[in-house]
Amino acid sequence: MHELSLCEHLLDLLQDEARRHEFSRVTRIRLAVGQFACVDPDALRFAFDVIRRDTLAAGAAVEIDRPPGRVWCDDCAREVEVPTRLAPCPSCGGLRLSPRGGGDLTLVELEVA
């Protein structure tokens, strides 16, 4: 479960931001986990619930967006959205696809007190 180490890094990031911007509590976190990110949002949420106890993020609301995966199709020369890495091009059915987006995990928004 690499989600636990991702959450440790997220908590480190929050602590760094708290020192830099002088806040003591996080009330809401919004993350974007791309469809190709190889991260299970439920496991990420569970890991964050475990790791944030007694930290500045204890009790913070967690929202997780799932931006779609984007690929370039060599067959129809278009960038399209696909639901999984193995899905064919929805425009032409082609399988010669190159990932172009949806593989990131991003801290999108942070509300603090």
Foldseek 3Di string as FASTA:
>chain_A
DCLLVVLVVVLVVVVVVCVVVVFQAWAEWEKEQFLQQPDDVVVNVVSNQVPCPPGRHHNHHYHYHYHFWWKQAPVVRDIDTDNHLQAAGPVPRHRRIGTDDRRDMGGDDIDTD
